[in-house]
């Protein structure tokens, strides 16, 4: 029962809304309020500050949320580790991943997965988001990991990890000294973009809509199908480029590139696991569970 109260607290803390938490947990709003009051009574401190219809975490609430997430993380790890005794995973797993995920996110997790499950043979197909979705529908892969905002009704999308698209420039680019630009400045700055069908390009286009900017309004110097090609190009030009933060962590540490802030524009997205609706197989599910517990920091 105490664990369920913590689940209620975690949901309210994430949503900062009692009504939304109740709907997500399939219980009534008075039940949510009751569980929160019981936790506050148990810990003898307020967990939320209430101002009209708005709530926010108190310092005690922030501490409880931190420990609650650690507790549930341990539970998930325990469940995964114990399930391995019941399922000796063997066979072949056909993965497909969009370019950014395949190059910069998955490799360390794949190595760790292989170490834990040496009897599983993995093949990884790399392409852009549109083509990975097509490969899944054509039964060429068992599981996909993509970027972007596409929503195909025959595909089930599950959140993987969060990503951020940033605008970067070479530290030799004279424009990088500005540090921050206006969204409208993007119309006059030479830019490198990914190719049509890229999830990254799709997310950028969606984010710029709120500023009344379309992709065709941008000063596009070139569209390239590889983030590595874009990074190499930037080192020899005064262009800027939108890329995943995961793809430039090393270059930022080595001061080769600098992030250019765009006032009022934050481009965040999730990478997604994709499976066909109605299909649930042990190997794809095992890989998804493994990745959810892997530390990508």
Protein backbone atom coordinates (compact mmCIF):
# COMPACT_ATOMS: atom_id res chain seq x y z
CA UNK A 1 0.00 0.00 0.00
CA UNK A 2 2.84 2.38 0.82
CA UNK A 3 4.36 1.69 -2.60
CA UNK A 4 1.08 2.65 -4.28
CA UNK A 5 0.99 5.92 -2.34
CA UNK A 6 4.50 6.63 -3.61
CA UNK A 7 3.29 5.87 -7.14
CA UNK A 8 0.44 8.34 -6.65
CA UNK A 9 2.87 10.94 -5.30
CA UNK A 10 5.29 10.41 -8.21
CA UNK A 11 2.49 10.82 -10.76
CA UNK A 12 1.20 14.02 -9.15
CA UNK A 13 4.77 15.35 -8.88
CA UNK A 14 5.38 14.70 -12.58
CA UNK A 15 2.06 16.10 -13.78
CA UNK A 16 1.63 18.81 -11.10
CA UNK A 17 -2.06 18.22 -11.53
CA UNK A 18 -4.33 16.06 -9.33
CA UNK A 19 -6.94 15.57 -12.06
CA UNK A 20 -4.42 14.35 -14.65
CA UNK A 21 -2.78 12.08 -12.07
CA UNK A 22 -6.14 10.54 -11.18
CA UNK A 23 -6.92 9.86 -14.85
CA UNK A 24 -3.49 8.30 -15.43
CA UNK A 25 -3.81 6.04 -12.38
CA UNK A 26 -7.49 5.17 -13.02
CA UNK A 27 -8.58 6.33 -9.57
CA UNK A 28 -10.71 9.26 -8.42
CA UNK A 29 -9.31 12.69 -7.63
CA UNK A 30 -10.44 12.44 -3.97
CA UNK A 31 -8.49 9.17 -3.75
CA UNK A 32 -5.38 10.94 -5.06
CA UNK A 33 -5.83 13.72 -2.49
CA UNK A 34 -6.30 11.15 0.28
CA UNK A 35 -3.08 9.31 -0.58
CA UNK A 36 -1.09 12.57 -0.67
CA UNK A 37 -2.52 13.67 2.69
CA UNK A 38 -1.61 10.29 4.20
CA UNK A 39 1.98 10.66 2.98
CA UNK A 40 2.16 14.21 4.34
CA UNK A 41 0.81 12.97 7.67
CA UNK A 42 3.32 10.09 7.71
CA UNK A 43 6.32 12.33 6.98
CA UNK A 44 4.88 15.20 9.07
CA UNK A 45 5.57 17.77 6.34
CA UNK A 46 3.89 19.30 3.31
CA UNK A 47 4.88 17.82 -0.05
CA UNK A 48 3.11 20.34 -2.30
CA UNK A 49 2.50 24.07 -2.16
CA UNK A 50 -0.98 24.92 -3.36
CA UNK A 51 -1.83 28.29 -4.93
CA UNK A 52 -5.35 28.24 -6.30
CA UNK A 53 -5.52 25.54 -8.97
CA UNK A 54 -1.72 25.35 -9.32
CA UNK A 55 0.65 23.23 -7.24
CA UNK A 56 4.40 22.84 -6.98
CA UNK A 57 6.74 20.64 -4.98
CA UNK A 58 8.03 21.82 -1.63
CA UNK A 59 11.71 21.19 -0.80
CA UNK A 60 10.56 18.07 1.11
CA UNK A 61 8.53 17.02 -1.92
CA UNK A 62 11.58 17.34 -4.19
CA UNK A 63 13.59 15.11 -1.84
CA UNK A 64 10.80 12.52 -1.72
CA UNK A 65 10.51 12.54 -5.52
CA UNK A 66 14.26 11.95 -5.85
CA UNK A 67 14.14 8.93 -3.52
CA UNK A 68 10.87 7.66 -5.00
CA UNK A 69 12.39 7.52 -8.46
CA UNK A 70 15.40 5.68 -7.06
CA UNK A 71 13.10 3.16 -5.35
CA UNK A 72 11.12 2.45 -8.51
CA UNK A 73 14.33 2.23 -10.51
CA UNK A 74 15.57 -0.48 -8.13
CA UNK A 75 12.24 -2.29 -8.46
CA UNK A 76 12.47 -2.23 -12.26
CA UNK A 77 16.06 -3.50 -12.15
CA UNK A 78 15.08 -6.23 -9.71
CA UNK A 79 12.19 -7.35 -11.91
CA UNK A 80 14.41 -7.38 -14.99
CA UNK A 81 17.26 -9.28 -13.30
CA UNK A 82 14.93 -11.89 -11.81
CA UNK A 83 13.12 -12.39 -15.12
CA UNK A 84 16.42 -13.39 -16.69
CA UNK A 85 16.38 -16.59 -14.65
CA UNK A 86 13.07 -17.57 -16.23
CA UNK A 87 13.98 -16.55 -19.77
CA UNK A 88 17.28 -17.74 -21.21
CA UNK A 89 17.26 -15.48 -24.23
CA UNK A 90 18.63 -16.96 -27.44
CA UNK A 91 18.11 -16.32 -31.11
CA UNK A 92 18.46 -13.46 -33.56
CA UNK A 93 17.30 -9.87 -33.07
CA UNK A 94 16.98 -7.66 -36.14
CA UNK A 95 17.25 -4.04 -35.07
CA UNK A 96 16.76 -0.96 -37.19
CA UNK A 97 17.73 2.50 -36.02
CA UNK A 98 17.72 5.98 -37.44
CA UNK A 99 21.15 7.40 -38.11
CA UNK A 100 21.64 9.56 -35.00
CA UNK A 101 20.50 6.81 -32.62
CA UNK A 102 22.58 4.15 -34.35
CA UNK A 103 25.77 6.20 -34.34
CA UNK A 104 25.72 7.98 -31.01
CA UNK A 105 23.28 6.30 -28.61
CA UNK A 106 22.95 2.55 -29.14
CA UNK A 107 26.55 1.22 -29.49
CA UNK A 108 27.46 1.13 -25.75
CA UNK A 109 24.07 -0.41 -24.90
CA UNK A 110 24.52 -3.02 -27.63
CA UNK A 111 27.92 -3.99 -26.23
CA UNK A 112 26.49 -4.30 -22.71
CA UNK A 113 23.51 -6.32 -24.00
CA UNK A 114 25.80 -8.71 -25.86
CA UNK A 115 27.90 -9.22 -22.74
CA UNK A 116 24.78 -10.14 -20.76
CA UNK A 117 23.13 -12.21 -23.51
CA UNK A 118 25.97 -13.70 -25.61
CA UNK A 119 23.62 -16.23 -27.26
CA UNK A 120 21.59 -13.47 -28.94
CA UNK A 121 22.78 -12.55 -32.44
CA UNK A 122 22.05 -8.92 -33.29
CA UNK A 123 22.02 -7.22 -36.67
CA UNK A 124 21.59 -3.46 -36.89
CA UNK A 125 20.22 -1.70 -39.96
CA UNK A 126 20.81 2.05 -40.14
CA UNK A 127 18.73 4.49 -42.17
CA UNK A 128 16.57 7.55 -41.69
CA UNK A 129 13.36 7.45 -39.67
CA UNK A 130 11.05 7.11 -42.66
CA UNK A 131 12.96 4.12 -44.01
CA UNK A 132 13.22 2.38 -40.62
CA UNK A 133 9.44 2.60 -40.25
CA UNK A 134 9.09 1.13 -43.72
CA UNK A 135 11.48 -1.71 -42.85
CA UNK A 136 9.40 -2.54 -39.77
CA UNK A 137 6.16 -2.64 -41.76
CA UNK A 138 7.83 -4.87 -44.38
CA UNK A 139 9.01 -7.30 -41.65
CA UNK A 140 12.66 -6.62 -42.44
CA UNK A 141 13.40 -5.79 -38.78
CA UNK A 142 11.89 -6.87 -35.45
CA UNK A 143 12.33 -3.60 -33.57
CA UNK A 144 13.11 -0.04 -34.53
CA UNK A 145 14.59 2.91 -32.66
CA UNK A 146 13.83 6.23 -34.29
CA UNK A 147 13.84 10.00 -33.92
CA UNK A 148 11.21 12.41 -35.15
CA UNK A 149 7.49 13.01 -34.74
CA UNK A 150 5.94 10.68 -37.32
CA UNK A 151 2.90 8.72 -36.24
CA UNK A 152 1.97 5.72 -38.36
CA UNK A 153 -1.26 4.10 -37.18
CA UNK A 154 0.08 0.58 -37.70
CA UNK A 155 3.07 1.25 -35.41
CA UNK A 156 3.29 1.38 -31.62
CA UNK A 157 5.64 4.12 -30.35
CA UNK A 158 7.26 3.86 -26.89
CA UNK A 159 9.43 6.61 -25.40
CA UNK A 160 13.11 5.73 -25.09
CA UNK A 161 15.30 8.67 -23.96
CA UNK A 162 15.12 12.43 -24.36
CA UNK A 163 17.21 14.29 -26.89
CA UNK A 164 17.78 17.95 -27.72
CA UNK A 165 18.43 19.45 -31.13
CA UNK A 166 20.98 22.28 -30.93
CA UNK A 167 22.36 24.79 -33.41
CA UNK A 168 26.15 24.54 -33.61
CA UNK A 169 28.96 26.42 -35.30
CA UNK A 170 32.69 25.93 -35.56
CA UNK A 171 34.63 27.92 -32.97
CA UNK A 172 36.32 29.56 -35.98
CA UNK A 173 33.01 30.83 -37.33
CA UNK A 174 32.89 34.64 -36.84
CA UNK A 175 29.13 34.47 -36.20
CA UNK A 176 29.57 32.15 -33.21
CA UNK A 177 30.78 35.11 -31.15
CA UNK A 178 27.18 36.30 -31.00
CA UNK A 179 26.30 33.47 -28.66
CA UNK A 180 22.56 34.05 -29.03
CA UNK A 181 20.46 34.84 -32.10
CA UNK A 182 16.82 35.54 -32.92
CA UNK A 183 14.71 32.88 -34.70
CA UNK A 184 14.31 35.19 -37.69
CA UNK A 185 18.13 35.31 -38.05
CA UNK A 186 17.95 31.74 -39.32
CA UNK A 187 16.68 33.08 -42.63
CA UNK A 188 20.01 34.78 -43.33
CA UNK A 189 22.52 32.36 -41.80
CA UNK A 190 23.86 29.63 -44.14
CA UNK A 191 22.66 26.31 -42.74
CA UNK A 192 23.34 22.63 -43.16
CA UNK A 193 20.29 20.40 -42.76
CA UNK A 194 19.61 16.68 -42.85
CA UNK A 195 17.95 15.09 -45.88
CA UNK A 196 14.17 14.78 -46.46
CA UNK A 197 12.83 11.80 -44.48
CA UNK A 198 15.15 12.53 -41.57
CA UNK A 199 13.50 12.60 -38.15
CA UNK A 200 15.76 15.47 -37.14
CA UNK A 201 14.56 17.58 -40.06
CA UNK A 202 10.95 16.75 -39.21
CA UNK A 203 11.37 17.93 -35.61
CA UNK A 204 13.12 21.15 -36.67
CA UNK A 205 10.33 21.96 -39.14
CA UNK A 206 7.69 21.41 -36.45
CA UNK A 207 9.50 23.60 -33.91
CA UNK A 208 10.00 26.50 -36.32
CA UNK A 209 6.28 26.62 -37.18
CA UNK A 210 5.50 28.50 -33.96
CA UNK A 211 7.72 31.35 -35.24
CA UNK A 212 6.08 31.40 -38.65
CA UNK A 213 9.22 29.98 -40.25
CA UNK A 214 9.16 27.20 -42.83
CA UNK A 215 12.07 25.09 -43.98
CA UNK A 216 11.93 26.72 -47.39
CA UNK A 217 12.43 30.13 -45.70
CA UNK A 218 15.85 29.11 -44.40
CA UNK A 219 19.14 29.84 -46.14
CA UNK A 220 20.05 26.22 -46.82
CA UNK A 221 23.56 25.79 -48.14
CA UNK A 222 23.35 22.01 -48.35
CA UNK A 223 21.39 18.98 -47.14
CA UNK A 224 23.48 16.00 -46.08
CA UNK A 225 22.45 12.47 -45.07
CA UNK A 226 25.06 12.10 -42.33
CA UNK A 227 25.70 14.03 -39.13
CA UNK A 228 29.39 13.15 -39.40
CA UNK A 229 29.49 14.75 -42.86
CA UNK A 230 27.80 17.85 -41.46
CA UNK A 231 30.32 18.14 -38.63
CA UNK A 232 33.25 17.78 -40.99
CA UNK A 233 31.74 20.37 -43.35
CA UNK A 234 31.29 22.84 -40.49
CA UNK A 235 35.00 22.69 -39.68
CA UNK A 236 35.71 24.07 -43.15
CA UNK A 237 32.93 26.63 -43.54
CA UNK A 238 31.00 29.43 -41.86
CA UNK A 239 27.77 27.44 -41.89
CA UNK A 240 25.76 26.43 -38.87
CA UNK A 241 23.85 23.18 -38.42
CA UNK A 242 21.08 21.66 -36.34
CA UNK A 243 22.24 18.37 -34.77
CA UNK A 244 21.45 16.10 -31.83
CA UNK A 245 23.30 17.05 -28.65
CA UNK A 246 24.33 13.36 -28.40
CA UNK A 247 26.28 13.71 -31.64
CA UNK A 248 28.57 16.56 -30.55
CA UNK A 249 29.35 15.87 -26.88
CA UNK A 250 33.02 15.10 -27.60
CA UNK A 251 33.48 18.08 -29.93
CA UNK A 252 31.93 20.44 -27.39
CA UNK A 253 34.32 19.15 -24.72
CA UNK A 254 37.26 19.67 -27.09
CA UNK A 255 36.00 23.18 -27.95
CA UNK A 256 35.73 22.44 -31.66
CA UNK A 257 32.09 23.53 -31.80
CA UNK A 258 29.94 25.93 -29.86
CA UNK A 259 26.18 25.86 -29.28
CA UNK A 260 24.39 28.94 -30.60
CA UNK A 261 21.32 29.72 -28.49
CA UNK A 262 18.17 30.78 -30.31
CA UNK A 263 16.02 33.10 -28.21
CA UNK A 264 12.76 31.41 -27.25
CA UNK A 265 13.50 28.21 -29.18
CA UNK A 266 14.22 24.92 -27.41
CA UNK A 267 13.98 21.85 -29.61
CA UNK A 268 13.47 18.76 -27.46
CA UNK A 269 12.27 15.36 -28.55
CA UNK A 270 12.29 11.72 -27.58
CA UNK A 271 13.85 8.81 -29.34
CA UNK A 272 11.24 6.06 -29.70
CA UNK A 273 11.13 2.29 -29.83
CA UNK A 274 8.77 1.17 -32.58
CA UNK A 275 6.96 -2.15 -32.96
CA UNK A 276 3.97 -3.24 -34.99
CA UNK A 277 0.72 -3.17 -33.05
CA UNK A 278 -0.30 -6.55 -31.67
CA UNK A 279 3.21 -8.00 -31.77
CA UNK A 280 5.12 -8.77 -28.60
CA UNK A 281 8.14 -11.04 -28.81
CA UNK A 282 10.55 -11.94 -26.05
CA UNK A 283 13.78 -10.73 -27.69
CA UNK A 284 12.58 -7.23 -28.72
CA UNK A 285 10.89 -6.80 -25.35
CA UNK A 286 14.04 -7.97 -23.55
CA UNK A 287 16.14 -5.43 -25.46
CA UNK A 288 13.67 -2.64 -24.68
CA UNK A 289 13.72 -3.53 -20.97
CA UNK A 290 17.50 -3.70 -20.98
CA UNK A 291 17.80 -0.25 -22.58
CA UNK A 292 15.36 1.25 -20.11
CA UNK A 293 17.72 0.22 -17.31
CA UNK A 294 20.96 1.12 -19.04
CA UNK A 295 22.67 4.33 -17.91
CA UNK A 296 23.13 6.45 -21.04
CA UNK A 297 24.78 9.36 -19.19
